[in-house]
């Protein structure tokens, strides 16, 4: 705990001082932030529209973030978030002005390379500070532990043996219900067949009687129709030739 109280202010001091210098000399800070500013402007419109139109305004905004993030990290308030935010300010704040590969003077290139490596070291230190949980478990570990506890509680409340017993009881009830339904269906089929036999025989006999009656009446009607037709034909001939 004492080590963190000493290390965090020391790490934050560089960013607070750099932010104050950028606010006092915005033109120089704008030149340093120019590579990062041009790179952000080349991103899609959704991101580029949120970047200030003036490079000096961009440098000032980055300086304010450095001062605010450094103050939070030094005081121990939201240290992990503050460290992650400060890591994002290193490139526009200082690394953009240490492009040693563009220097032709060997001595100047060596100086710029050393400054660039210092900035990279600051990013590494901030990454460690952002991942420091102060000995407490991480969020992923807590989530996995909570999931295991929930599973164990569910397994204790509903053990496998009782679940199997419940399933067996339900299966027995369903089987008994099916057997009862089959027996009732068989009884109904027997009753229907017993009652349907006499009805079918009666219907067959009644149908035969109706057929005989229809045949007799049909013969009588046909004979009457022939006699009527003969009478009408005779009357028609007499009227034509009279």
C-alpha atoms as a PDB file:
ATOM      1  CA  UNK A   1       0.000   0.000   0.000  1.00  0.00           C
ATOM      2  CA  UNK A   2       2.835   2.421   0.895  1.00  0.00           C
ATOM      3  CA  UNK A   3       4.602   1.607  -2.374  1.00  0.00           C
ATOM      4  CA  UNK A   4       1.534   2.583  -4.400  1.00  0.00           C
ATOM      5  CA  UNK A   5       1.135   5.855  -2.487  1.00  0.00           C
ATOM      6  CA  UNK A   6       4.699   6.779  -3.475  1.00  0.00           C
ATOM      7  CA  UNK A   7       4.798   5.374  -7.010  1.00  0.00           C
ATOM      8  CA  UNK A   8       1.522   6.864  -8.253  1.00  0.00           C
ATOM      9  CA  UNK A   9       2.424  10.510  -7.506  1.00  0.00           C
ATOM     10  CA  UNK A  10       5.850  10.006  -9.063  1.00  0.00           C
ATOM     11  CA  UNK A  11       4.289   8.578 -12.224  1.00  0.00           C
ATOM     12  CA  UNK A  12       1.651  11.305 -12.361  1.00  0.00           C
ATOM     13  CA  UNK A  13       4.138  14.167 -11.853  1.00  0.00           C
ATOM     14  CA  UNK A  14       5.503  13.861 -15.385  1.00  0.00           C
ATOM     15  CA  UNK A  15       2.040  14.241 -16.937  1.00  0.00           C
ATOM     16  CA  UNK A  16       0.950  17.108 -14.704  1.00  0.00           C
ATOM     17  CA  UNK A  17       4.129  19.033 -15.522  1.00  0.00           C
ATOM     18  CA  UNK A  18       3.834  18.297 -19.223  1.00  0.00           C
ATOM     19  CA  UNK A  19       0.208  19.414 -19.251  1.00  0.00           C
ATOM     20  CA  UNK A  20       1.046  22.703 -17.539  1.00  0.00           C
ATOM     21  CA  UNK A  21       3.867  23.372 -20.030  1.00  0.00           C
ATOM     22  CA  UNK A  22       1.517  22.655 -22.944  1.00  0.00           C
ATOM     23  CA  UNK A  23      -1.008  25.187 -21.669  1.00  0.00           C
ATOM     24  CA  UNK A  24       1.734  27.805 -21.226  1.00  0.00           C
ATOM     25  CA  UNK A  25       3.199  27.179 -24.715  1.00  0.00           C
ATOM     26  CA  UNK A  26       0.296  26.037 -26.942  1.00  0.00           C
ATOM     27  CA  UNK A  27       2.148  26.660 -30.217  1.00  0.00           C
ATOM     28  CA  UNK A  28       5.006  24.312 -29.331  1.00  0.00           C
ATOM     29  CA  UNK A  29       2.519  21.786 -27.951  1.00  0.00           C
ATOM     30  CA  UNK A  30       0.565  22.015 -31.207  1.00  0.00           C
ATOM     31  CA  UNK A  31       3.681  21.178 -33.243  1.00  0.00           C
ATOM     32  CA  UNK A  32       4.322  18.159 -31.035  1.00  0.00           C
ATOM     33  CA  UNK A  33       0.713  16.999 -31.365  1.00  0.00           C
ATOM     34  CA  UNK A  34       0.601  17.593 -35.151  1.00  0.00           C
ATOM     35  CA  UNK A  35       1.342  13.938 -36.195  1.00  0.00           C
ATOM     36  CA  UNK A  36      -1.362  12.552 -33.894  1.00  0.00           C
ATOM     37  CA  UNK A  37      -3.771  15.316 -34.971  1.00  0.00           C
ATOM     38  CA  UNK A  38      -3.272  14.567 -38.682  1.00  0.00           C
ATOM     39  CA  UNK A  39      -3.680  10.846 -38.032  1.00  0.00           C
ATOM     40  CA  UNK A  40      -6.989  11.331 -36.220  1.00  0.00           C
ATOM     41  CA  UNK A  41      -8.287  13.576 -38.991  1.00  0.00           C
ATOM     42  CA  UNK A  42      -7.761  10.740 -41.486  1.00  0.00           C
ATOM     43  CA  UNK A  43     -10.028   8.392 -39.543  1.00  0.00           C
ATOM     44  CA  UNK A  44     -13.725   7.917 -40.502  1.00  0.00           C
ATOM     45  CA  UNK A  45     -15.996  10.932 -40.233  1.00  0.00           C
ATOM     46  CA  UNK A  46     -17.665   9.623 -37.043  1.00  0.00           C
ATOM     47  CA  UNK A  47     -14.322   9.929 -35.206  1.00  0.00           C
ATOM     48  CA  UNK A  48     -12.733  12.815 -37.117  1.00  0.00           C
ATOM     49  CA  UNK A  49     -15.756  15.056 -36.445  1.00  0.00           C
ATOM     50  CA  UNK A  50     -15.083  14.817 -32.685  1.00  0.00           C
ATOM     51  CA  UNK A  51     -11.494  16.057 -33.036  1.00  0.00           C
ATOM     52  CA  UNK A  52     -10.995  19.848 -32.621  1.00  0.00           C
ATOM     53  CA  UNK A  53     -10.476  21.662 -35.890  1.00  0.00           C
ATOM     54  CA  UNK A  54      -7.428  23.569 -34.554  1.00  0.00           C
ATOM     55  CA  UNK A  55      -4.264  21.679 -33.637  1.00  0.00           C
ATOM     56  CA  UNK A  56      -3.547  24.047 -30.735  1.00  0.00           C
ATOM     57  CA  UNK A  57      -7.029  23.426 -29.321  1.00  0.00           C
ATOM     58  CA  UNK A  58      -6.330  19.712 -29.646  1.00  0.00           C
ATOM     59  CA  UNK A  59      -3.040  20.135 -27.753  1.00  0.00           C
ATOM     60  CA  UNK A  60      -4.773  22.129 -25.010  1.00  0.00           C
ATOM     61  CA  UNK A  61      -7.468  19.474 -24.613  1.00  0.00           C
ATOM     62  CA  UNK A  62      -4.800  16.792 -24.346  1.00  0.00           C
ATOM     63  CA  UNK A  63      -2.987  18.907 -21.720  1.00  0.00           C
ATOM     64  CA  UNK A  64      -6.143  19.270 -19.633  1.00  0.00           C
ATOM     65  CA  UNK A  65      -6.657  15.496 -19.749  1.00  0.00           C
ATOM     66  CA  UNK A  66      -3.074  14.988 -18.605  1.00  0.00           C
ATOM     67  CA  UNK A  67      -3.488  17.364 -15.670  1.00  0.00           C
ATOM     68  CA  UNK A  68      -6.837  15.870 -14.609  1.00  0.00           C
ATOM     69  CA  UNK A  69      -5.711  12.253 -15.052  1.00  0.00           C
ATOM     70  CA  UNK A  70      -2.434  12.961 -13.246  1.00  0.00           C
ATOM     71  CA  UNK A  71      -4.281  14.487 -10.307  1.00  0.00           C
ATOM     72  CA  UNK A  72      -6.576  11.451 -10.028  1.00  0.00           C
ATOM     73  CA  UNK A  73      -3.668   9.013 -10.257  1.00  0.00           C
ATOM     74  CA  UNK A  74      -1.611  10.914  -7.680  1.00  0.00           C
ATOM     75  CA  UNK A  75      -4.497  11.090  -5.203  1.00  0.00           C
ATOM     76  CA  UNK A  76      -5.404   7.413  -5.692  1.00  0.00           C
ATOM     77  CA  UNK A  77      -8.912   8.147  -6.977  1.00  0.00           C
ATOM     78  CA  UNK A  78      -9.896   5.915  -9.886  1.00  0.00           C
ATOM     79  CA  UNK A  79      -6.226   5.054 -10.401  1.00  0.00           C
ATOM     80  CA  UNK A  80      -6.807   2.334 -12.996  1.00  0.00           C
ATOM     81  CA  UNK A  81      -9.047   4.516 -15.146  1.00  0.00           C
ATOM     82  CA  UNK A  82      -6.712   7.484 -14.780  1.00  0.00           C
ATOM     83  CA  UNK A  83      -3.701   5.392 -15.810  1.00  0.00           C
ATOM     84  CA  UNK A  84      -5.491   4.086 -18.901  1.00  0.00           C
ATOM     85  CA  UNK A  85      -6.502   7.619 -19.942  1.00  0.00           C
ATOM     86  CA  UNK A  86      -3.000   8.980 -19.395  1.00  0.00           C
ATOM     87  CA  UNK A  87      -1.566   6.228 -21.595  1.00  0.00           C
ATOM     88  CA  UNK A  88      -3.653   7.590 -24.462  1.00  0.00           C
ATOM     89  CA  UNK A  89      -2.160  11.078 -24.017  1.00  0.00           C
ATOM     90  CA  UNK A  90       1.486  10.079 -24.359  1.00  0.00           C
ATOM     91  CA  UNK A  91       1.619  10.034 -28.168  1.00  0.00           C
ATOM     92  CA  UNK A  92      -0.039  13.430 -28.818  1.00  0.00           C
ATOM     93  CA  UNK A  93       1.630  14.946 -25.751  1.00  0.00           C
ATOM     94  CA  UNK A  94       5.272  14.084 -26.378  1.00  0.00           C
ATOM     95  CA  UNK A  95       5.947  11.048 -28.553  1.00  0.00           C
ATOM     96  CA  UNK A  96       4.808  12.910 -31.662  1.00  0.00           C
ATOM     97  CA  UNK A  97       7.739  15.306 -31.239  1.00  0.00           C
ATOM     98  CA  UNK A  98      10.323  12.540 -30.881  1.00  0.00           C
ATOM     99  CA  UNK A  99      10.332  11.041 -34.367  1.00  0.00           C
ATOM    100  CA  UNK A 100      14.022  10.169 -34.349  1.00  0.00           C
ATOM    101  CA  UNK A 101      13.831   8.349 -37.682  1.00  0.00           C
ATOM    102  CA  UNK A 102      13.274  11.672 -39.464  1.00  0.00           C
ATOM    103  CA  UNK A 103      16.422  13.294 -37.987  1.00  0.00           C
ATOM    104  CA  UNK A 104      19.565  13.540 -40.160  1.00  0.00           C
ATOM    105  CA  UNK A 105      21.944  14.690 -37.410  1.00  0.00           C
ATOM    106  CA  UNK A 106      23.321  11.623 -35.555  1.00  0.00           C
ATOM    107  CA  UNK A 107      23.504  13.387 -32.183  1.00  0.00           C
ATOM    108  CA  UNK A 108      20.002  14.786 -32.556  1.00  0.00           C
ATOM    109  CA  UNK A 109      18.728  11.366 -33.631  1.00  0.00           C
ATOM    110  CA  UNK A 110      20.245   9.773 -30.526  1.00  0.00           C
ATOM    111  CA  UNK A 111      18.580  12.325 -28.258  1.00  0.00           C
ATOM    112  CA  UNK A 112      15.221  11.906 -29.933  1.00  0.00           C
ATOM    113  CA  UNK A 113      15.521   8.124 -29.752  1.00  0.00           C
ATOM    114  CA  UNK A 114      16.197   8.287 -26.025  1.00  0.00           C
ATOM    115  CA  UNK A 115      13.209  10.583 -25.489  1.00  0.00           C
ATOM    116  CA  UNK A 116      11.008   8.284 -27.577  1.00  0.00           C
ATOM    117  CA  UNK A 117      12.039   5.252 -25.539  1.00  0.00           C
ATOM    118  CA  UNK A 118      11.257   7.194 -22.370  1.00  0.00           C
ATOM    119  CA  UNK A 119       7.739   7.822 -23.662  1.00  0.00           C
ATOM    120  CA  UNK A 120       7.357   4.126 -24.478  1.00  0.00           C
ATOM    121  CA  UNK A 121       8.488   3.277 -20.926  1.00  0.00           C
ATOM    122  CA  UNK A 122       5.857   5.652 -19.539  1.00  0.00           C
ATOM    123  CA  UNK A 123       3.185   3.837 -21.554  1.00  0.00           C
ATOM    124  CA  UNK A 124       4.390   0.517 -20.127  1.00  0.00           C
ATOM    125  CA  UNK A 125       4.264   1.844 -16.567  1.00  0.00           C
ATOM    126  CA  UNK A 126       0.766   3.200 -17.097  1.00  0.00           C
ATOM    127  CA  UNK A 127      -0.390  -0.150 -18.476  1.00  0.00           C
ATOM    128  CA  UNK A 128       0.870  -1.851 -15.321  1.00  0.00           C
ATOM    129  CA  UNK A 129      -0.888   0.766 -13.181  1.00  0.00           C
ATOM    130  CA  UNK A 130      -4.111   0.287 -15.163  1.00  0.00           C
ATOM    131  CA  UNK A 131      -3.996  -3.469 -14.526  1.00  0.00           C
ATOM    132  CA  UNK A 132      -3.108  -3.149 -10.818  1.00  0.00           C
ATOM    133  CA  UNK A 133      -6.006  -4.430  -8.689  1.00  0.00           C
ATOM    134  CA  UNK A 134      -4.185  -3.756  -5.374  1.00  0.00           C
ATOM    135  CA  UNK A 135      -4.248  -7.450  -4.526  1.00  0.00           C
ATOM    136  CA  UNK A 136      -7.983  -7.720  -5.106  1.00  0.00           C
ATOM    137  CA  UNK A 137      -9.374 -10.294  -7.551  1.00  0.00           C
ATOM    138  CA  UNK A 138     -10.073  -9.090 -11.061  1.00  0.00           C
ATOM    139  CA  UNK A 139     -13.573  -8.663 -12.433  1.00  0.00           C
ATOM    140  CA  UNK A 140     -13.210 -11.776 -14.598  1.00  0.00           C
ATOM    141  CA  UNK A 141     -12.210 -13.889 -11.590  1.00  0.00           C
ATOM    142  CA  UNK A 142     -15.136 -12.508  -9.583  1.00  0.00           C
ATOM    143  CA  UNK A 143     -17.577 -13.277 -12.390  1.00  0.00           C
ATOM    144  CA  UNK A 144     -16.333 -16.862 -12.743  1.00  0.00           C
ATOM    145  CA  UNK A 145     -16.510 -17.363  -8.968  1.00  0.00           C
ATOM    146  CA  UNK A 146     -20.063 -15.990  -8.842  1.00  0.00           C
ATOM    147  CA  UNK A 147     -21.061 -18.325 -11.675  1.00  0.00           C
ATOM    148  CA  UNK A 148     -19.615 -21.336  -9.829  1.00  0.00           C
ATOM    149  CA  UNK A 149     -21.452 -20.367  -6.635  1.00  0.00           C
ATOM    150  CA  UNK A 150     -24.723 -20.012  -8.496  1.00  0.00           C
ATOM    151  CA  UNK A 151     -24.252 -23.412 -10.107  1.00  0.00           C
ATOM    152  CA  UNK A 152     -23.472 -25.075  -6.778  1.00  0.00           C
ATOM    153  CA  UNK A 153     -26.529 -23.519  -5.128  1.00  0.00           C
ATOM    154  CA  UNK A 154     -28.742 -24.690  -7.962  1.00  0.00           C
ATOM    155  CA  UNK A 155     -27.265 -28.180  -7.764  1.00  0.00           C
ATOM    156  CA  UNK A 156     -27.856 -28.271  -3.991  1.00  0.00           C
ATOM    157  CA  UNK A 157     -31.441 -27.053  -4.290  1.00  0.00           C
ATOM    158  CA  UNK A 158     -32.247 -29.486  -7.109  1.00  0.00           C
ATOM    159  CA  UNK A 159     -30.007 -32.544  -6.720  1.00  0.00           C
ATOM    160  CA  UNK A 160     -29.761 -35.021  -9.543  1.00  0.00           C
ATOM    161  CA  UNK A 161     -31.269 -37.925  -7.608  1.00  0.00           C
ATOM    162  CA  UNK A 162     -34.447 -36.045  -6.739  1.00  0.00           C
ATOM    163  CA  UNK A 163     -34.671 -34.832 -10.312  1.00  0.00           C
ATOM    164  CA  UNK A 164     -34.415 -38.418 -11.594  1.00  0.00           C
ATOM    165  CA  UNK A 165     -37.044 -39.538  -9.080  1.00  0.00           C
ATOM    166  CA  UNK A 166     -39.390 -36.781 -10.185  1.00  0.00           C
ATOM    167  CA  UNK A 167     -38.888 -37.736 -13.818  1.00  0.00           C
ATOM    168  CA  UNK A 168     -39.588 -41.378 -13.041  1.00  0.00           C
ATOM    169  CA  UNK A 169     -42.781 -40.433 -11.169  1.00  0.00           C
ATOM    170  CA  UNK A 170     -43.945 -38.343 -14.105  1.00  0.00           C
ATOM    171  CA  UNK A 171     -43.169 -41.194 -16.500  1.00  0.00           C
ATOM    172  CA  UNK A 172     -45.170 -43.656 -14.383  1.00  0.00           C
ATOM    173  CA  UNK A 173     -48.153 -41.310 -14.300  1.00  0.00           C
ATOM    174  CA  UNK A 174     -48.025 -40.792 -18.052  1.00  0.00           C
ATOM    175  CA  UNK A 175     -47.782 -44.549 -18.681  1.00  0.00           C
ATOM    176  CA  UNK A 176     -50.694 -45.258 -16.343  1.00  0.00           C
ATOM    177  CA  UNK A 177     -52.772 -42.591 -18.075  1.00  0.00           C
ATOM    178  CA  UNK A 178     -52.020 -44.047 -21.478  1.00  0.00           C
ATOM    179  CA  UNK A 179     -52.947 -47.550 -20.380  1.00  0.00           C
ATOM    180  CA  UNK A 180     -56.218 -46.302 -18.877  1.00  0.00           C
ATOM    181  CA  UNK A 181     -57.028 -44.457 -22.083  1.00  0.00           C
ATOM    182  CA  UNK A 182     -56.367 -47.546 -24.164  1.00  0.00           C
ATOM    183  CA  UNK A 183     -58.625 -49.663 -21.971  1.00  0.00           C
ATOM    184  CA  UNK A 184     -61.460 -47.115 -22.202  1.00  0.00           C
ATOM    185  CA  UNK A 185     -61.008 -46.924 -25.945  1.00  0.00           C
ATOM    186  CA  UNK A 186     -61.178 -50.689 -26.281  1.00  0.00           C
ATOM    187  CA  UNK A 187     -64.388 -50.830 -24.207  1.00  0.00           C
ATOM    188  CA  UNK A 188     -65.995 -48.105 -26.300  1.00  0.00           C
ATOM    189  CA  UNK A 189     -65.057 -49.890 -29.511  1.00  0.00           C
ATOM    190  CA  UNK A 190     -66.629 -53.126 -28.259  1.00  0.00           C
ATOM    191  CA  UNK A 191     -69.826 -51.298 -27.249  1.00  0.00           C
ATOM    192  CA  UNK A 192     -70.071 -49.572 -30.587  1.00  0.00           C
ATOM    193  CA  UNK A 193     -69.517 -52.781 -32.510  1.00  0.00           C
ATOM    194  CA  UNK A 194     -72.110 -54.608 -30.344  1.00  0.00           C
ATOM    195  CA  UNK A 195     -74.723 -51.907 -30.948  1.00  0.00           C
ATOM    196  CA  UNK A 196     -73.812 -51.297 -34.553  1.00  0.00           C
ATOM    197  CA  UNK A 197     -74.309 -54.942 -35.616  1.00  0.00           C
ATOM    198  CA  UNK A 198     -78.117 -55.072 -35.096  1.00  0.00           C
ATOM    199  CA  UNK A 199     -78.475 -51.584 -36.479  1.00  0.00           C
ATOM    200  CA  UNK A 200     -76.643 -52.553 -39.628  1.00  0.00           C
ATOM    201  CA  UNK A 201     -78.719 -55.697 -40.036  1.00  0.00           C
ATOM    202  CA  UNK A 202     -81.922 -53.703 -39.525  1.00  0.00           C
ATOM    203  CA  UNK A 203     -80.759 -51.117 -41.983  1.00  0.00           C
ATOM    204  CA  UNK A 204     -79.955 -53.820 -44.546  1.00  0.00           C
ATOM    205  CA  UNK A 205     -83.380 -55.424 -44.187  1.00  0.00           C
ATOM    206  CA  UNK A 206     -85.087 -52.027 -44.358  1.00  0.00           C
ATOM    207  CA  UNK A 207     -83.087 -51.171 -47.433  1.00  0.00           C
ATOM    208  CA  UNK A 208     -84.094 -54.397 -49.179  1.00  0.00           C
ATOM    209  CA  UNK A 209     -87.786 -53.760 -48.426  1.00  0.00           C
ATOM    210  CA  UNK A 210     -87.515 -50.222 -49.730  1.00  0.00           C
ATOM    211  CA  UNK A 211     -85.817 -51.470 -52.859  1.00  0.00           C
ATOM    212  CA  UNK A 212     -88.623 -53.979 -53.513  1.00  0.00           C
ATOM    213  CA  UNK A 213     -91.256 -51.310 -52.935  1.00  0.00           C
ATOM    214  CA  UNK A 214     -89.417 -48.920 -55.229  1.00  0.00           C
ATOM    215  CA  UNK A 215     -89.158 -51.606 -57.925  1.00  0.00           C
ATOM    216  CA  UNK A 216     -92.905 -52.393 -57.701  1.00  0.00           C
ATOM    217  CA  UNK A 217     -93.874 -48.752 -57.731  1.00  0.00           C
ATOM    218  CA  UNK A 218     -91.464 -48.104 -60.542  1.00  0.00           C
ATOM    219  CA  UNK A 219     -93.105 -50.795 -62.706  1.00  0.00           C
ATOM    220  CA  UNK A 220     -96.540 -49.392 -61.979  1.00  0.00           C
ATOM    221  CA  UNK A 221     -95.443 -45.875 -62.759  1.00  0.00           C
ATOM    222  CA  UNK A 222     -93.770 -46.971 -65.968  1.00  0.00           C
ATOM    223  CA  UNK A 223     -96.946 -48.812 -67.095  1.00  0.00           C
ATOM    224  CA  UNK A 224     -99.048 -45.763 -66.282  1.00  0.00           C
ATOM    225  CA  UNK A 225     -96.659 -43.536 -68.193  1.00  0.00           C
ATOM    226  CA  UNK A 226     -96.816 -45.797 -71.261  1.00  0.00           C
ATOM    227  CA  UNK A 227    -100.620 -45.871 -71.175  1.00  0.00           C
ATOM    228  CA  UNK A 228    -100.775 -42.100 -70.789  1.00  0.00           C
ATOM    229  CA  UNK A 229     -98.348 -41.604 -73.644  1.00  0.00           C
ATOM    230  CA  UNK A 230    -100.422 -43.926 -75.912  1.00  0.00           C
ATOM    231  CA  UNK A 231    -103.608 -42.021 -75.084  1.00  0.00           C
ATOM    232  CA  UNK A 232    -101.970 -38.678 -75.778  1.00  0.00           C
ATOM    233  CA  UNK A 233    -100.518 -39.917 -79.058  1.00  0.00           C
ATOM    234  CA  UNK A 234    -103.967 -41.170 -80.210  1.00  0.00           C
ATOM    235  CA  UNK A 235    -105.604 -37.868 -79.333  1.00  0.00           C
ATOM    236  CA  UNK A 236    -102.897 -35.981 -81.240  1.00  0.00           C
ATOM    237  CA  UNK A 237    -103.416 -38.090 -84.436  1.00  0.00           C
ATOM    238  CA  UNK A 238    -107.178 -37.657 -84.320  1.00  0.00           C
ATOM    239  CA  UNK A 239    -106.832 -33.881 -84.033  1.00  0.00           C
ATOM    240  CA  UNK A 240    -104.371 -33.712 -86.909  1.00  0.00           C
ATOM    241  CA  UNK A 241    -106.416 -35.786 -89.367  1.00  0.00           C
ATOM    242  CA  UNK A 242    -109.913 -34.580 -88.388  1.00  0.00           C
END
